[in-house]
């Protein structure tokens, strides 16, 4: 797991543009998580995922399947992170939350491992 900083931010009287990440992505998702509910507890061998928290607060728990190293961290609106290959990840809504997810590969149920 890597914490990512926005690549570019422009803010003026009209509002704000946040360029989160550029890359070769194949799928974009919007994930809504209700308070105290969780998604995940799985990992992928063949894809990586970038998440941008647009609303709410989430707790991310990571355990790398190859190294056994684990990590937990809170994320708030405007923060983003990368889920790398073999990172078993669980996202829990501390509050109702909304995340934007971009994936390096399209969804494949064969690449979801518990």
Protein backbone atom coordinates (compact mmCIF):
# COMPACT_ATOMS: atom_id res chain seq x y z
CA UNK A 1 0.00 0.00 0.00
CA UNK A 2 1.25 3.45 -0.88
CA UNK A 3 -0.22 6.76 0.15
CA UNK A 4 -0.49 8.98 -2.92
CA UNK A 5 -0.43 12.75 -3.12
CA UNK A 6 -2.54 14.46 -5.78
CA UNK A 7 -0.48 15.20 -8.87
CA UNK A 8 -2.01 18.64 -9.34
CA UNK A 9 -4.49 20.85 -7.50
CA UNK A 10 -6.06 24.04 -8.86
CA UNK A 11 -8.46 26.06 -6.75
CA UNK A 12 -10.09 29.38 -7.54
CA UNK A 13 -13.44 31.15 -7.11
CA UNK A 14 -15.17 28.53 -9.29
CA UNK A 15 -14.10 25.56 -7.17
CA UNK A 16 -11.34 22.99 -7.09
CA UNK A 17 -9.77 20.55 -9.56
CA UNK A 18 -7.79 17.65 -8.06
CA UNK A 19 -5.76 15.58 -10.52
CA UNK A 20 -5.48 12.40 -8.48
CA UNK A 21 -3.41 10.06 -10.65
CA UNK A 22 -2.52 9.35 -14.26
CA UNK A 23 -1.81 5.93 -15.67
CA UNK A 24 -2.99 3.06 -17.81
CA UNK A 25 -6.32 2.23 -16.16
CA UNK A 26 -9.11 0.00 -17.43
CA UNK A 27 -12.00 0.46 -14.99
CA UNK A 28 -13.47 3.27 -12.87
CA UNK A 29 -15.82 2.57 -9.94
CA UNK A 30 -17.67 4.62 -7.36
CA UNK A 31 -17.84 2.83 -4.02
CA UNK A 32 -20.33 3.86 -1.34
CA UNK A 33 -19.73 2.38 2.11
CA UNK A 34 -22.17 2.76 4.97
CA UNK A 35 -20.96 3.56 8.47
CA UNK A 36 -19.60 0.45 10.27
CA UNK A 37 -19.78 -1.68 7.09
CA UNK A 38 -16.80 -3.23 5.28
CA UNK A 39 -15.78 -4.22 1.78
CA UNK A 40 -12.86 -6.38 0.83
CA UNK A 41 -10.81 -8.83 2.85
CA UNK A 42 -9.30 -10.10 -0.35
CA UNK A 43 -6.27 -9.52 -2.55
CA UNK A 44 -5.45 -9.55 -6.25
CA UNK A 45 -2.45 -11.11 -7.97
CA UNK A 46 -2.95 -9.36 -11.31
CA UNK A 47 -4.17 -5.82 -10.66
CA UNK A 48 -3.62 -2.71 -8.61
CA UNK A 49 -6.27 -0.27 -7.41
CA UNK A 50 -6.11 3.45 -6.68
CA UNK A 51 -8.74 4.87 -4.31
CA UNK A 52 -9.66 8.52 -3.78
CA UNK A 53 -11.82 9.32 -0.74
CA UNK A 54 -14.39 11.90 -1.83
CA UNK A 55 -16.65 11.83 1.25
CA UNK A 56 -16.52 10.47 4.80
CA UNK A 57 -13.86 8.68 6.80
CA UNK A 58 -12.65 5.14 6.17
CA UNK A 59 -10.29 2.72 7.89
CA UNK A 60 -8.03 0.75 5.54
CA UNK A 61 -6.50 -2.49 6.79
CA UNK A 62 -3.76 -4.10 4.70
CA UNK A 63 -1.87 -7.36 5.05
CA UNK A 64 0.57 -8.28 2.32
CA UNK A 65 0.23 -11.95 1.38
CA UNK A 66 3.90 -12.23 0.40
CA UNK A 67 5.58 -10.47 3.32
CA UNK A 68 2.98 -10.79 6.10
CA UNK A 69 3.42 -7.09 6.91
CA UNK A 70 0.18 -5.45 8.06
CA UNK A 71 -0.87 -1.82 8.37
CA UNK A 72 -4.02 0.14 9.28
CA UNK A 73 -4.73 3.78 8.53
CA UNK A 74 -7.59 6.26 8.54
CA UNK A 75 -8.31 8.23 5.36
CA UNK A 76 -10.39 11.40 5.04
CA UNK A 77 -11.81 13.34 2.07
CA UNK A 78 -9.19 14.35 -0.48
CA UNK A 79 -6.74 11.55 0.39
CA UNK A 80 -5.79 8.71 -1.92
CA UNK A 81 -3.91 5.44 -1.77
CA UNK A 82 -2.70 2.59 -3.97
CA UNK A 83 -3.49 -1.06 -3.25
CA UNK A 84 -0.60 -3.05 -4.67
CA UNK A 85 -0.47 -6.65 -5.89
CA UNK A 86 -1.00 -9.17 -3.06
CA UNK A 87 -2.19 -6.54 -0.54
CA UNK A 88 -5.15 -8.13 1.26
CA UNK A 89 -7.34 -5.10 1.85
CA UNK A 90 -10.44 -4.28 3.87
CA UNK A 91 -12.12 -0.88 3.79
CA UNK A 92 -14.48 0.00 6.65
CA UNK A 93 -16.69 3.07 6.82
CA UNK A 94 -16.02 4.98 10.02
CA UNK A 95 -18.76 7.27 8.70
CA UNK A 96 -20.85 6.93 5.55
CA UNK A 97 -18.22 7.29 2.82
CA UNK A 98 -17.76 7.50 -0.93
CA UNK A 99 -14.60 6.50 -2.80
CA UNK A 100 -13.59 6.63 -6.44
CA UNK A 101 -11.61 3.56 -7.51
CA UNK A 102 -9.55 3.10 -10.68
CA UNK A 103 -8.16 -0.33 -11.54
CA UNK A 104 -5.29 -1.41 -13.76
CA UNK A 105 -7.36 -4.36 -15.00
CA UNK A 106 -11.09 -4.91 -15.38
CA UNK A 107 -12.87 -6.91 -12.69
CA UNK A 108 -12.10 -10.62 -12.90
CA UNK A 109 -13.63 -12.93 -10.25
CA UNK A 110 -10.71 -15.32 -10.85
CA UNK A 111 -8.36 -12.64 -9.43
CA UNK A 112 -10.17 -12.26 -6.09
CA UNK A 113 -8.37 -14.27 -3.41
CA UNK A 114 -9.23 -14.50 0.27
